[in-house]
Amino acid sequence: MSLTSNRCKKHVLSLKIKAKSFGVSIQKEVNIDIRTSTISMYIDFPTDETVMARQRKKLKTPACFKVALHGEDDILYFGLWEWTSFEYGDWLEHLREVFHYRGFDRLSFHDNSFLYDLDDIKKVFGKPDELLVEHTGCYYFNQLIFKKFFYIKNVQIDMNISPEGSNILSTILTQNIDELYTEDIDRPLRAMNLEDLLMINSKSIEIHYQTISSKDMNMFIKLWMKGSNPRLEYLEFEYFIGIPQVDEIMEGIKYTKASKYECRYFKRCRKRLCVSAGIEIQRRDGTRATIKFTHAGDLHSFEMLVWHDHCVADRDDIFFKSLGLIH
């Protein structure tokens, strides 16, 4: 409606519809998704199929676009529009104005996104708060993404963005990333090792679909107790294949067991956790950590929570109250 006339646009603006998130996805098509408290809007911009794969596509004025509106349970609207008055930059400004939202939460690169000109993407969309990178179809392009978009605080990657034996991952893992989330869907049996963990410089690390030996995990804990990975606040491994061997992981490590009746409150980046039970360890500088082994069905997990002063949440934390965890 906001496109049909200035009068309609003023009416839409007066509704003060506020977005909660704004993201851009690059694949064969460019997609913009906007989410409010009640709906999700997806806008797809089809690309020119005549452009050869060896040419880097520029983000030219789209000739048409597809719109889908999703409610909580069903699709509210779907349609194809022709509109050539806006370039991508105009679209961004228009949508941010209509939805009263200036942030850029997420930029995602998926299969076939290597067909686009990366400098053009950065120029048009800018720097996001969160970067998601799957294998684009070109290993060199995967690496180039992290050279163009650096100092991103929150990063989610598939471990298959680099070929076996490549050093691309080492470049990524050593960056000062606050939150790092990894998956390995195409190579689920690829095991991480001690060297991988020691080079990670993130605060929060979630590793899914991958395995690590109990011996390497045991050595990592011992090295952490001696001072390695000083920025680490939270580490999680989810095992879809194999079961973590608790006795082997904790062999030779001095620890105590926390009470299952005592709940402590832990904050990490954008999340809050209530922590009870678990295994307590301490590094040489006095910093304590809790290790938890849990399972649900075939899914087993290892968690390590480091109790830095800034990670300790108060019982009266407004976040916990909002979740109804504290009365």
C-alpha atoms as a PDB file:
ATOM      1  CA  MET A   1       0.000   0.000   0.000  1.00  0.00           C
ATOM      2  CA  SER A   2       2.792   2.424   0.825  1.00  0.00           C
ATOM      3  CA  LEU A   3       3.976   2.253  -2.801  1.00  0.00           C
ATOM      4  CA  THR A   4       0.704   3.239  -4.449  1.00  0.00           C
ATOM      5  CA  SER A   5       0.644   6.941  -3.523  1.00  0.00           C
ATOM      6  CA  ASN A   6       2.072   9.498  -1.120  1.00  0.00           C
ATOM      7  CA  ARG A   7      -1.269   9.579   0.659  1.00  0.00           C
ATOM      8  CA  CYS A   8      -1.205   5.816   1.213  1.00  0.00           C
ATOM      9  CA  LYS A   9       2.378   6.001   2.409  1.00  0.00           C
ATOM     10  CA  LYS A  10       1.484   8.675   4.969  1.00  0.00           C
ATOM     11  CA  HIS A  11      -1.374   6.491   6.171  1.00  0.00           C
ATOM     12  CA  VAL A  12       0.910   3.461   6.529  1.00  0.00           C
ATOM     13  CA  LEU A  13       3.496   5.523   8.413  1.00  0.00           C
ATOM     14  CA  SER A  14       0.786   6.767  10.775  1.00  0.00           C
ATOM     15  CA  LEU A  15       0.090   3.154  11.805  1.00  0.00           C
ATOM     16  CA  LYS A  16       3.580   3.095  13.363  1.00  0.00           C
ATOM     17  CA  ILE A  17       4.216  -0.548  12.534  1.00  0.00           C
ATOM     18  CA  LYS A  18       7.531  -1.406  14.166  1.00  0.00           C
ATOM     19  CA  ALA A  19       9.833  -4.165  12.983  1.00  0.00           C
ATOM     20  CA  LYS A  20      11.714  -6.392  15.423  1.00  0.00           C
ATOM     21  CA  SER A  21      14.358  -7.539  12.937  1.00  0.00           C
ATOM     22  CA  PHE A  22      15.631  -6.798   9.440  1.00  0.00           C
ATOM     23  CA  GLY A  23      17.680  -9.241   7.385  1.00  0.00           C
ATOM     24  CA  VAL A  24      19.047  -9.733   3.877  1.00  0.00           C
ATOM     25  CA  SER A  25      19.714 -13.110   2.267  1.00  0.00           C
ATOM     26  CA  ILE A  26      21.868 -13.550  -0.847  1.00  0.00           C
ATOM     27  CA  GLN A  27      21.450 -16.687  -2.938  1.00  0.00           C
ATOM     28  CA  LYS A  28      20.226 -17.036  -6.516  1.00  0.00           C
ATOM     29  CA  GLU A  29      17.802 -14.269  -5.649  1.00  0.00           C
ATOM     30  CA  VAL A  30      18.119 -11.424  -3.185  1.00  0.00           C
ATOM     31  CA  ASN A  31      15.683 -11.666  -0.293  1.00  0.00           C
ATOM     32  CA  ILE A  32      14.766  -9.103   2.358  1.00  0.00           C
ATOM     33  CA  ASP A  33      12.893 -10.308   5.419  1.00  0.00           C
ATOM     34  CA  ILE A  34      11.261  -8.077   8.007  1.00  0.00           C
ATOM     35  CA  ARG A  35       9.626  -9.337  11.168  1.00  0.00           C
ATOM     36  CA  THR A  36       7.229  -7.614  13.514  1.00  0.00           C
ATOM     37  CA  SER A  37       5.560  -8.993  16.626  1.00  0.00           C
ATOM     38  CA  THR A  38       2.722 -10.466  14.537  1.00  0.00           C
ATOM     39  CA  ILE A  39       3.891 -10.995  10.929  1.00  0.00           C
ATOM     40  CA  SER A  40       6.898 -11.877   8.801  1.00  0.00           C
ATOM     41  CA  MET A  41       7.328 -10.208   5.405  1.00  0.00           C
ATOM     42  CA  TYR A  42       9.555 -11.723   2.716  1.00  0.00           C
ATOM     43  CA  ILE A  43      10.448  -9.756  -0.415  1.00  0.00           C
ATOM     44  CA  ASP A  44      12.242 -11.650  -3.205  1.00  0.00           C
ATOM     45  CA  PHE A  45      13.953  -9.894  -6.095  1.00  0.00           C
ATOM     46  CA  PRO A  46      14.380 -12.286  -9.055  1.00  0.00           C
ATOM     47  CA  THR A  47      17.660 -11.943 -10.943  1.00  0.00           C
ATOM     48  CA  ASP A  48      18.374 -11.689 -14.637  1.00  0.00           C
ATOM     49  CA  GLU A  49      18.858 -15.259 -15.863  1.00  0.00           C
ATOM     50  CA  THR A  50      20.760 -14.016 -18.915  1.00  0.00           C
ATOM     51  CA  VAL A  51      23.746 -13.012 -16.783  1.00  0.00           C
ATOM     52  CA  MET A  52      26.491 -15.588 -17.216  1.00  0.00           C
ATOM     53  CA  ALA A  53      27.828 -17.359 -14.137  1.00  0.00           C
ATOM     54  CA  ARG A  54      31.352 -16.074 -14.793  1.00  0.00           C
ATOM     55  CA  GLN A  55      30.149 -12.473 -14.482  1.00  0.00           C
ATOM     56  CA  ARG A  56      29.683 -10.897 -11.084  1.00  0.00           C
ATOM     57  CA  LYS A  57      26.120  -9.625 -10.858  1.00  0.00           C
ATOM     58  CA  LYS A  58      25.614  -6.004  -9.912  1.00  0.00           C
ATOM     59  CA  LEU A  59      22.644  -5.060  -7.753  1.00  0.00           C
ATOM     60  CA  LYS A  60      20.813  -3.242 -10.508  1.00  0.00           C
ATOM     61  CA  THR A  61      17.268  -1.895 -10.376  1.00  0.00           C
ATOM     62  CA  PRO A  62      14.956  -4.927 -10.022  1.00  0.00           C
ATOM     63  CA  ALA A  63      12.141  -5.105 -12.572  1.00  0.00           C
ATOM     64  CA  CYS A  64       9.753  -6.944 -10.266  1.00  0.00           C
ATOM     65  CA  PHE A  65       9.499  -8.445  -6.817  1.00  0.00           C
ATOM     66  CA  LYS A  66       7.550 -11.108  -4.963  1.00  0.00           C
ATOM     67  CA  VAL A  67       5.954 -10.432  -1.595  1.00  0.00           C
ATOM     68  CA  ALA A  68       4.834 -12.993   0.983  1.00  0.00           C
ATOM     69  CA  LEU A  69       3.221 -12.130   4.307  1.00  0.00           C
ATOM     70  CA  HIS A  70       3.175 -14.849   6.953  1.00  0.00           C
ATOM     71  CA  GLY A  71       1.111 -14.796  10.115  1.00  0.00           C
ATOM     72  CA  GLU A  72       1.607 -17.112  13.048  1.00  0.00           C
ATOM     73  CA  ASP A  73      -0.132 -20.058  11.372  1.00  0.00           C
ATOM     74  CA  ASP A  74      -0.661 -19.322   7.687  1.00  0.00           C
ATOM     75  CA  ILE A  75       0.223 -17.211   4.649  1.00  0.00           C
ATOM     76  CA  LEU A  76      -1.718 -13.950   4.675  1.00  0.00           C
ATOM     77  CA  TYR A  77      -0.707 -12.687   1.247  1.00  0.00           C
ATOM     78  CA  PHE A  78       1.413 -13.645  -1.745  1.00  0.00           C
ATOM     79  CA  GLY A  79       1.822 -11.654  -4.947  1.00  0.00           C
ATOM     80  CA  LEU A  80       4.121 -10.567  -7.772  1.00  0.00           C
ATOM     81  CA  TRP A  81       4.564  -6.834  -8.357  1.00  0.00           C
ATOM     82  CA  GLU A  82       6.225  -4.895 -11.147  1.00  0.00           C
ATOM     83  CA  TRP A  83       8.065  -1.831  -9.884  1.00  0.00           C
ATOM     84  CA  THR A  84      11.081  -0.230 -11.550  1.00  0.00           C
ATOM     85  CA  SER A  85      11.220   3.080  -9.681  1.00  0.00           C
ATOM     86  CA  PHE A  86      13.453   1.804  -6.857  1.00  0.00           C
ATOM     87  CA  GLU A  87      17.030   0.630  -6.758  1.00  0.00           C
ATOM     88  CA  TYR A  88      18.089  -1.581  -3.845  1.00  0.00           C
ATOM     89  CA  GLY A  89      19.219   1.395  -1.786  1.00  0.00           C
ATOM     90  CA  ASP A  90      15.799   2.996  -2.275  1.00  0.00           C
ATOM     91  CA  TRP A  91      14.127  -0.212  -1.134  1.00  0.00           C
ATOM     92  CA  LEU A  92      16.180  -0.293   2.047  1.00  0.00           C
ATOM     93  CA  GLU A  93      15.364   3.299   2.916  1.00  0.00           C
ATOM     94  CA  HIS A  94      11.674   2.841   2.089  1.00  0.00           C
ATOM     95  CA  LEU A  95      11.246  -0.313   4.183  1.00  0.00           C
ATOM     96  CA  ARG A  96      13.150   1.113   7.130  1.00  0.00           C
ATOM     97  CA  GLU A  97      10.930   4.177   7.059  1.00  0.00           C
ATOM     98  CA  VAL A  98       7.695   2.206   6.780  1.00  0.00           C
ATOM     99  CA  PHE A  99       8.664  -0.211   9.551  1.00  0.00           C
ATOM    100  CA  HIS A 100      10.357   2.398  11.781  1.00  0.00           C
ATOM    101  CA  TYR A 101      13.556   0.362  12.022  1.00  0.00           C
ATOM    102  CA  ARG A 102      17.098   1.494  11.243  1.00  0.00           C
ATOM    103  CA  GLY A 103      19.023  -1.624  12.225  1.00  0.00           C
ATOM    104  CA  PHE A 104      20.578  -4.259   9.971  1.00  0.00           C
ATOM    105  CA  ASP A 105      20.455  -7.459  11.989  1.00  0.00           C
ATOM    106  CA  ARG A 106      21.581 -10.192   9.633  1.00  0.00           C
ATOM    107  CA  LEU A 107      23.285 -10.760   6.279  1.00  0.00           C
ATOM    108  CA  SER A 108      23.206 -14.341   4.961  1.00  0.00           C
ATOM    109  CA  PHE A 109      25.176 -15.892   2.112  1.00  0.00           C
ATOM    110  CA  HIS A 110      23.861 -19.145   0.640  1.00  0.00           C
ATOM    111  CA  ASP A 111      24.379 -21.363  -2.405  1.00  0.00           C
ATOM    112  CA  ASN A 112      24.957 -19.396  -5.650  1.00  0.00           C
ATOM    113  CA  SER A 113      25.640 -16.113  -3.857  1.00  0.00           C
ATOM    114  CA  PHE A 114      29.150 -16.192  -5.357  1.00  0.00           C
ATOM    115  CA  LEU A 115      27.515 -14.986  -8.595  1.00  0.00           C
ATOM    116  CA  TYR A 116      27.179 -11.506  -7.099  1.00  0.00           C
ATOM    117  CA  ASP A 117      29.698  -8.712  -6.804  1.00  0.00           C
ATOM    118  CA  LEU A 118      30.727  -8.657  -3.146  1.00  0.00           C
ATOM    119  CA  ASP A 119      31.852  -5.020  -3.173  1.00  0.00           C
ATOM    120  CA  ASP A 120      28.449  -4.071  -4.549  1.00  0.00           C
ATOM    121  CA  ILE A 121      26.674  -6.013  -1.777  1.00  0.00           C
ATOM    122  CA  LYS A 122      28.712  -4.263   0.902  1.00  0.00           C
ATOM    123  CA  LYS A 123      28.173  -0.843  -0.682  1.00  0.00           C
ATOM    124  CA  VAL A 124      24.391  -1.269  -0.914  1.00  0.00           C
ATOM    125  CA  PHE A 125      23.589  -3.081   2.343  1.00  0.00           C
ATOM    126  CA  GLY A 126      26.445  -2.065   4.637  1.00  0.00           C
ATOM    127  CA  LYS A 127      27.680  -3.908   7.716  1.00  0.00           C
ATOM    128  CA  PRO A 128      25.301  -6.239   9.598  1.00  0.00           C
ATOM    129  CA  ASP A 129      25.227  -7.142  13.273  1.00  0.00           C
ATOM    130  CA  GLU A 130      25.252 -10.847  12.402  1.00  0.00           C
ATOM    131  CA  LEU A 131      26.823 -12.713   9.482  1.00  0.00           C
ATOM    132  CA  LEU A 132      25.694 -16.160   8.317  1.00  0.00           C
ATOM    133  CA  VAL A 133      27.812 -17.988   5.733  1.00  0.00           C
ATOM    134  CA  GLU A 134      27.055 -21.326   4.104  1.00  0.00           C
ATOM    135  CA  HIS A 135      29.043 -22.765   1.207  1.00  0.00           C
ATOM    136  CA  THR A 136      28.329 -20.342  -1.638  1.00  0.00           C
ATOM    137  CA  GLY A 137      29.583 -22.699  -4.343  1.00  0.00           C
ATOM    138  CA  CYS A 138      33.027 -21.075  -4.495  1.00  0.00           C
ATOM    139  CA  TYR A 139      35.646 -21.552  -1.765  1.00  0.00           C
ATOM    140  CA  TYR A 140      37.499 -18.388  -2.778  1.00  0.00           C
ATOM    141  CA  PHE A 141      34.294 -16.349  -2.500  1.00  0.00           C
ATOM    142  CA  ASN A 142      33.673 -17.858   0.957  1.00  0.00           C
ATOM    143  CA  GLN A 143      37.053 -16.582   2.097  1.00  0.00           C
ATOM    144  CA  LEU A 144      36.522 -13.214   0.453  1.00  0.00           C
ATOM    145  CA  ILE A 145      33.352 -12.650   2.494  1.00  0.00           C
ATOM    146  CA  PHE A 146      35.359 -12.607   5.719  1.00  0.00           C
ATOM    147  CA  LYS A 147      37.894 -10.214   4.232  1.00  0.00           C
ATOM    148  CA  LYS A 148      35.173  -7.772   3.190  1.00  0.00           C
ATOM    149  CA  PHE A 149      33.004  -8.140   6.288  1.00  0.00           C
ATOM    150  CA  PHE A 150      35.371  -8.172   9.246  1.00  0.00           C
ATOM    151  CA  TYR A 151      34.855  -7.177  12.888  1.00  0.00           C
ATOM    152  CA  ILE A 152      31.373  -8.709  12.863  1.00  0.00           C
ATOM    153  CA  LYS A 153      30.448  -9.617  16.438  1.00  0.00           C
ATOM    154  CA  ASN A 154      28.086 -12.530  15.709  1.00  0.00           C
ATOM    155  CA  VAL A 155      28.999 -15.151  13.094  1.00  0.00           C
ATOM    156  CA  GLN A 156      27.302 -18.380  12.047  1.00  0.00           C
ATOM    157  CA  ILE A 157      29.163 -20.656   9.621  1.00  0.00           C
ATOM    158  CA  ASP A 158      28.994 -24.104   8.097  1.00  0.00           C
ATOM    159  CA  MET A 159      32.310 -25.857   8.540  1.00  0.00           C
ATOM    160  CA  ASN A 160      32.116 -26.976   4.891  1.00  0.00           C
ATOM    161  CA  ILE A 161      32.860 -23.439   3.671  1.00  0.00           C
ATOM    162  CA  SER A 162      36.464 -24.562   3.278  1.00  0.00           C
ATOM    163  CA  PRO A 163      37.959 -27.670   1.652  1.00  0.00           C
ATOM    164  CA  GLU A 164      39.779 -30.211   3.795  1.00  0.00           C
ATOM    165  CA  GLY A 165      43.261 -28.969   4.640  1.00  0.00           C
ATOM    166  CA  SER A 166      42.429 -25.315   3.948  1.00  0.00           C
ATOM    167  CA  ASN A 167      43.432 -22.518   6.331  1.00  0.00           C
ATOM    168  CA  ILE A 168      40.256 -20.477   5.751  1.00  0.00           C
ATOM    169  CA  LEU A 169      38.730 -21.631   9.027  1.00  0.00           C
ATOM    170  CA  SER A 170      41.810 -20.722  11.041  1.00  0.00           C
ATOM    171  CA  THR A 171      41.489 -17.155   9.744  1.00  0.00           C
ATOM    172  CA  ILE A 172      37.866 -17.033  10.901  1.00  0.00           C
ATOM    173  CA  LEU A 173      38.307 -18.762  14.245  1.00  0.00           C
ATOM    174  CA  THR A 174      41.055 -16.399  15.425  1.00  0.00           C
ATOM    175  CA  GLN A 175      38.961 -13.245  14.911  1.00  0.00           C
ATOM    176  CA  ASN A 176      37.576 -11.393  17.952  1.00  0.00           C
ATOM    177  CA  ILE A 177      34.027 -12.647  17.413  1.00  0.00           C
ATOM    178  CA  ASP A 178      31.623 -12.416  20.346  1.00  0.00           C
ATOM    179  CA  GLU A 179      29.343 -15.265  19.270  1.00  0.00           C
ATOM    180  CA  LEU A 180      30.387 -18.099  16.955  1.00  0.00           C
ATOM    181  CA  TYR A 181      27.923 -20.774  15.858  1.00  0.00           C
ATOM    182  CA  THR A 182      29.071 -23.591  13.578  1.00  0.00           C
ATOM    183  CA  GLU A 183      27.379 -26.460  11.779  1.00  0.00           C
ATOM    184  CA  ASP A 184      28.656 -29.130   9.423  1.00  0.00           C
ATOM    185  CA  ILE A 185      25.590 -30.436   7.637  1.00  0.00           C
ATOM    186  CA  ASP A 186      27.321 -31.776   4.526  1.00  0.00           C
ATOM    187  CA  ARG A 187      30.235 -33.342   6.393  1.00  0.00           C
ATOM    188  CA  PRO A 188      28.685 -34.386   9.719  1.00  0.00           C
ATOM    189  CA  LEU A 189      31.488 -36.811  10.566  1.00  0.00           C
ATOM    190  CA  ARG A 190      34.223 -34.173  10.391  1.00  0.00           C
ATOM    191  CA  ALA A 191      35.896 -34.114  13.784  1.00  0.00           C
ATOM    192  CA  MET A 192      37.274 -31.001  15.406  1.00  0.00           C
ATOM    193  CA  ASN A 193      40.540 -31.274  17.267  1.00  0.00           C
ATOM    194  CA  LEU A 194      42.376 -29.597  20.109  1.00  0.00           C
ATOM    195  CA  GLU A 195      44.137 -27.163  17.774  1.00  0.00           C
ATOM    196  CA  ASP A 196      40.764 -25.956  16.422  1.00  0.00           C
ATOM    197  CA  LEU A 197      39.508 -25.194  19.932  1.00  0.00           C
ATOM    198  CA  LEU A 198      42.666 -23.452  21.096  1.00  0.00           C
ATOM    199  CA  MET A 199      42.661 -21.038  18.161  1.00  0.00           C
ATOM    200  CA  ILE A 200      39.061 -19.930  18.795  1.00  0.00           C
ATOM    201  CA  ASN A 201      39.031 -16.403  20.205  1.00  0.00           C
ATOM    202  CA  SER A 202      35.277 -16.034  20.705  1.00  0.00           C
ATOM    203  CA  LYS A 203      33.314 -15.402  23.882  1.00  0.00           C
ATOM    204  CA  SER A 204      30.451 -17.753  23.060  1.00  0.00           C
ATOM    205  CA  ILE A 205      30.921 -20.877  20.933  1.00  0.00           C
ATOM    206  CA  GLU A 206      28.202 -23.312  19.838  1.00  0.00           C
ATOM    207  CA  ILE A 207      29.384 -26.262  17.756  1.00  0.00           C
ATOM    208  CA  HIS A 208      26.798 -28.564  16.184  1.00  0.00           C
ATOM    209  CA  TYR A 209      26.919 -31.674  13.979  1.00  0.00           C
ATOM    210  CA  GLN A 210      30.586 -32.218  14.774  1.00  0.00           C
ATOM    211  CA  THR A 211      32.503 -34.479  17.081  1.00  0.00           C
ATOM    212  CA  ILE A 212      35.635 -34.086  19.151  1.00  0.00           C
ATOM    213  CA  SER A 213      37.540 -36.826  20.928  1.00  0.00           C
ATOM    214  CA  SER A 214      37.293 -37.163  24.695  1.00  0.00           C
ATOM    215  CA  LYS A 215      41.095 -36.956  24.832  1.00  0.00           C
ATOM    216  CA  ASP A 216      41.158 -33.583  23.053  1.00  0.00           C
ATOM    217  CA  MET A 217      38.340 -32.236  25.215  1.00  0.00           C
ATOM    218  CA  ASN A 218      40.172 -33.379  28.337  1.00  0.00           C
ATOM    219  CA  MET A 219      43.339 -31.596  27.238  1.00  0.00           C
ATOM    220  CA  PHE A 220      41.395 -28.446  26.332  1.00  0.00           C
ATOM    221  CA  ILE A 221      39.903 -28.231  29.840  1.00  0.00           C
ATOM    222  CA  LYS A 222      43.342 -28.707  31.397  1.00  0.00           C
ATOM    223  CA  LEU A 223      44.843 -25.986  29.190  1.00  0.00           C
ATOM    224  CA  TRP A 224      41.942 -23.648  29.964  1.00  0.00           C
ATOM    225  CA  MET A 225      42.628 -24.167  33.673  1.00  0.00           C
ATOM    226  CA  LYS A 226      46.223 -23.096  32.989  1.00  0.00           C
ATOM    227  CA  GLY A 227      45.153 -19.931  31.161  1.00  0.00           C
ATOM    228  CA  SER A 228      44.208 -20.658  27.523  1.00  0.00           C
ATOM    229  CA  ASN A 229      41.194 -19.082  25.776  1.00  0.00           C
ATOM    230  CA  PRO A 230      40.879 -16.158  28.252  1.00  0.00           C
ATOM    231  CA  ARG A 231      37.875 -14.595  26.427  1.00  0.00           C
ATOM    232  CA  LEU A 232      35.790 -17.766  26.616  1.00  0.00           C
ATOM    233  CA  GLU A 233      32.448 -17.407  28.383  1.00  0.00           C
ATOM    234  CA  TYR A 234      30.395 -20.276  26.964  1.00  0.00           C
ATOM    235  CA  LEU A 235      31.214 -23.446  25.008  1.00  0.00           C
ATOM    236  CA  GLU A 236      28.688 -25.990  23.749  1.00  0.00           C
ATOM    237  CA  PHE A 237      29.133 -29.179  21.746  1.00  0.00           C
ATOM    238  CA  GLU A 238      26.106 -31.086  20.475  1.00  0.00           C
ATOM    239  CA  TYR A 239      26.865 -34.697  19.606  1.00  0.00           C
ATOM    240  CA  PHE A 240      24.580 -36.223  16.984  1.00  0.00           C
ATOM    241  CA  ILE A 241      26.952 -39.159  16.544  1.00  0.00           C
ATOM    242  CA  GLY A 242      28.671 -40.762  19.524  1.00  0.00           C
ATOM    243  CA  ILE A 243      28.360 -40.076  23.224  1.00  0.00           C
ATOM    244  CA  PRO A 244      30.767 -37.908  25.242  1.00  0.00           C
ATOM    245  CA  GLN A 245      32.634 -40.107  27.709  1.00  0.00           C
ATOM    246  CA  VAL A 246      32.430 -38.207  30.989  1.00  0.00           C
ATOM    247  CA  ASP A 247      35.086 -40.241  32.814  1.00  0.00           C
ATOM    248  CA  GLU A 248      37.586 -39.812  29.977  1.00  0.00           C
ATOM    249  CA  ILE A 249      36.883 -36.094  29.584  1.00  0.00           C
ATOM    250  CA  MET A 250      37.310 -35.412  33.314  1.00  0.00           C
ATOM    251  CA  GLU A 251      40.275 -37.756  33.878  1.00  0.00           C
ATOM    252  CA  GLY A 252      43.047 -36.108  35.907  1.00  0.00           C
ATOM    253  CA  ILE A 253      41.004 -32.932  36.498  1.00  0.00           C
ATOM    254  CA  LYS A 254      40.286 -31.688  40.007  1.00  0.00           C
ATOM    255  CA  TYR A 255      36.623 -30.814  40.394  1.00  0.00           C
ATOM    256  CA  THR A 256      33.639 -30.670  42.724  1.00  0.00           C
ATOM    257  CA  LYS A 257      29.952 -31.254  42.039  1.00  0.00           C
ATOM    258  CA  ALA A 258      27.460 -28.396  42.277  1.00  0.00           C
ATOM    259  CA  SER A 259      24.166 -28.801  44.085  1.00  0.00           C
ATOM    260  CA  LYS A 260      21.185 -29.606  41.897  1.00  0.00           C
ATOM    261  CA  TYR A 261      19.005 -27.665  44.335  1.00  0.00           C
ATOM    262  CA  GLU A 262      20.852 -24.371  43.874  1.00  0.00           C
ATOM    263  CA  CYS A 263      20.041 -22.237  40.829  1.00  0.00           C
ATOM    264  CA  ARG A 264      22.574 -19.666  39.647  1.00  0.00           C
ATOM    265  CA  TYR A 265      21.986 -17.133  36.909  1.00  0.00           C
ATOM    266  CA  PHE A 266      24.393 -16.845  34.002  1.00  0.00           C
ATOM    267  CA  LYS A 267      24.401 -14.220  31.263  1.00  0.00           C
ATOM    268  CA  ARG A 268      26.237 -14.513  27.968  1.00  0.00           C
ATOM    269  CA  CYS A 269      25.989 -12.072  25.103  1.00  0.00           C
ATOM    270  CA  ARG A 270      22.281 -11.949  24.220  1.00  0.00           C
ATOM    271  CA  LYS A 271      21.093 -14.877  26.365  1.00  0.00           C
ATOM    272  CA  ARG A 272      20.453 -15.718  30.007  1.00  0.00           C
ATOM    273  CA  LEU A 273      20.619 -19.168  31.608  1.00  0.00           C
ATOM    274  CA  CYS A 274      19.520 -20.699  34.898  1.00  0.00           C
ATOM    275  CA  VAL A 275      22.252 -23.120  35.979  1.00  0.00           C
ATOM    276  CA  SER A 276      21.957 -25.916  38.531  1.00  0.00           C
ATOM    277  CA  ALA A 277      24.015 -29.053  39.225  1.00  0.00           C
ATOM    278  CA  GLY A 278      27.034 -29.746  37.025  1.00  0.00           C
ATOM    279  CA  ILE A 279      30.772 -30.130  37.587  1.00  0.00           C
ATOM    280  CA  GLU A 280      32.749 -27.224  39.069  1.00  0.00           C
ATOM    281  CA  ILE A 281      36.353 -26.489  38.044  1.00  0.00           C
ATOM    282  CA  GLN A 282      38.689 -23.576  38.680  1.00  0.00           C
ATOM    283  CA  ARG A 283      41.561 -22.083  36.697  1.00  0.00           C
ATOM    284  CA  ARG A 284      44.759 -20.835  38.256  1.00  0.00           C
ATOM    285  CA  ASP A 285      43.614 -17.189  38.332  1.00  0.00           C
ATOM    286  CA  GLY A 286      40.597 -18.174  40.456  1.00  0.00           C
ATOM    287  CA  THR A 287      37.970 -18.031  37.676  1.00  0.00           C
ATOM    288  CA  ARG A 288      35.417 -20.797  38.087  1.00  0.00           C
ATOM    289  CA  ALA A 289      33.518 -22.724  35.422  1.00  0.00           C
ATOM    290  CA  THR A 290      30.630 -25.183  35.370  1.00  0.00           C
ATOM    291  CA  ILE A 291      30.632 -28.203  33.044  1.00  0.00           C
ATOM    292  CA  LYS A 292      27.352 -29.930  32.239  1.00  0.00           C
ATOM    293  CA  PHE A 293      26.677 -33.165  30.359  1.00  0.00           C
ATOM    294  CA  THR A 294      23.063 -33.538  29.208  1.00  0.00           C
ATOM    295  CA  HIS A 295      21.096 -35.628  26.742  1.00  0.00           C
ATOM    296  CA  ALA A 296      17.635 -35.730  25.197  1.00  0.00           C
ATOM    297  CA  GLY A 297      16.955 -38.838  23.148  1.00  0.00           C
ATOM    298  CA  ASP A 298      19.882 -39.371  20.779  1.00  0.00           C
ATOM    299  CA  LEU A 299      21.183 -35.837  21.265  1.00  0.00           C
ATOM    300  CA  HIS A 300      24.025 -35.469  23.762  1.00  0.00           C
ATOM    301  CA  SER A 301      25.626 -32.188  24.699  1.00  0.00           C
ATOM    302  CA  PHE A 302      28.629 -30.782  26.554  1.00  0.00           C
ATOM    303  CA  GLU A 303      28.417 -27.288  28.040  1.00  0.00           C
ATOM    304  CA  MET A 304      31.072 -25.195  29.738  1.00  0.00           C
ATOM    305  CA  LEU A 305      30.032 -21.933  31.414  1.00  0.00           C
ATOM    306  CA  VAL A 306      32.761 -19.597  32.681  1.00  0.00           C
ATOM    307  CA  TRP A 307      31.778 -17.431  35.646  1.00  0.00           C
ATOM    308  CA  HIS A 308      33.548 -14.175  34.824  1.00  0.00           C
ATOM    309  CA  ASP A 309      32.267 -11.322  36.986  1.00  0.00           C
ATOM    310  CA  HIS A 310      30.334  -9.853  34.046  1.00  0.00           C
ATOM    311  CA  CYS A 311      28.694 -13.253  33.377  1.00  0.00           C
ATOM    312  CA  VAL A 312      27.071 -13.492  36.798  1.00  0.00           C
ATOM    313  CA  ALA A 313      23.440 -12.379  36.627  1.00  0.00           C
ATOM    314  CA  ASP A 314      21.452 -11.115  39.575  1.00  0.00           C
ATOM    315  CA  ARG A 315      18.362 -12.978  40.720  1.00  0.00           C
ATOM    316  CA  ASP A 316      16.377  -9.820  40.052  1.00  0.00           C
ATOM    317  CA  ASP A 317      17.603  -9.622  36.447  1.00  0.00           C
ATOM    318  CA  ILE A 318      14.718  -8.174  34.426  1.00  0.00           C
ATOM    319  CA  PHE A 319      15.388 -10.712  31.644  1.00  0.00           C
ATOM    320  CA  PHE A 320      14.593 -13.675  33.897  1.00  0.00           C
ATOM    321  CA  LYS A 321      11.494 -11.949  35.215  1.00  0.00           C
ATOM    322  CA  SER A 322      10.258 -11.382  31.672  1.00  0.00           C
ATOM    323  CA  LEU A 323      10.509 -15.135  31.032  1.00  0.00           C
ATOM    324  CA  GLY A 324       8.575 -15.958  34.168  1.00  0.00           C
ATOM    325  CA  LEU A 325      11.558 -17.808  35.646  1.00  0.00           C
ATOM    326  CA  ILE A 326      11.582 -15.583  38.730  1.00  0.00           C
ATOM    327  CA  HIS A 327       8.533 -14.442  40.696  1.00  0.00           C
END
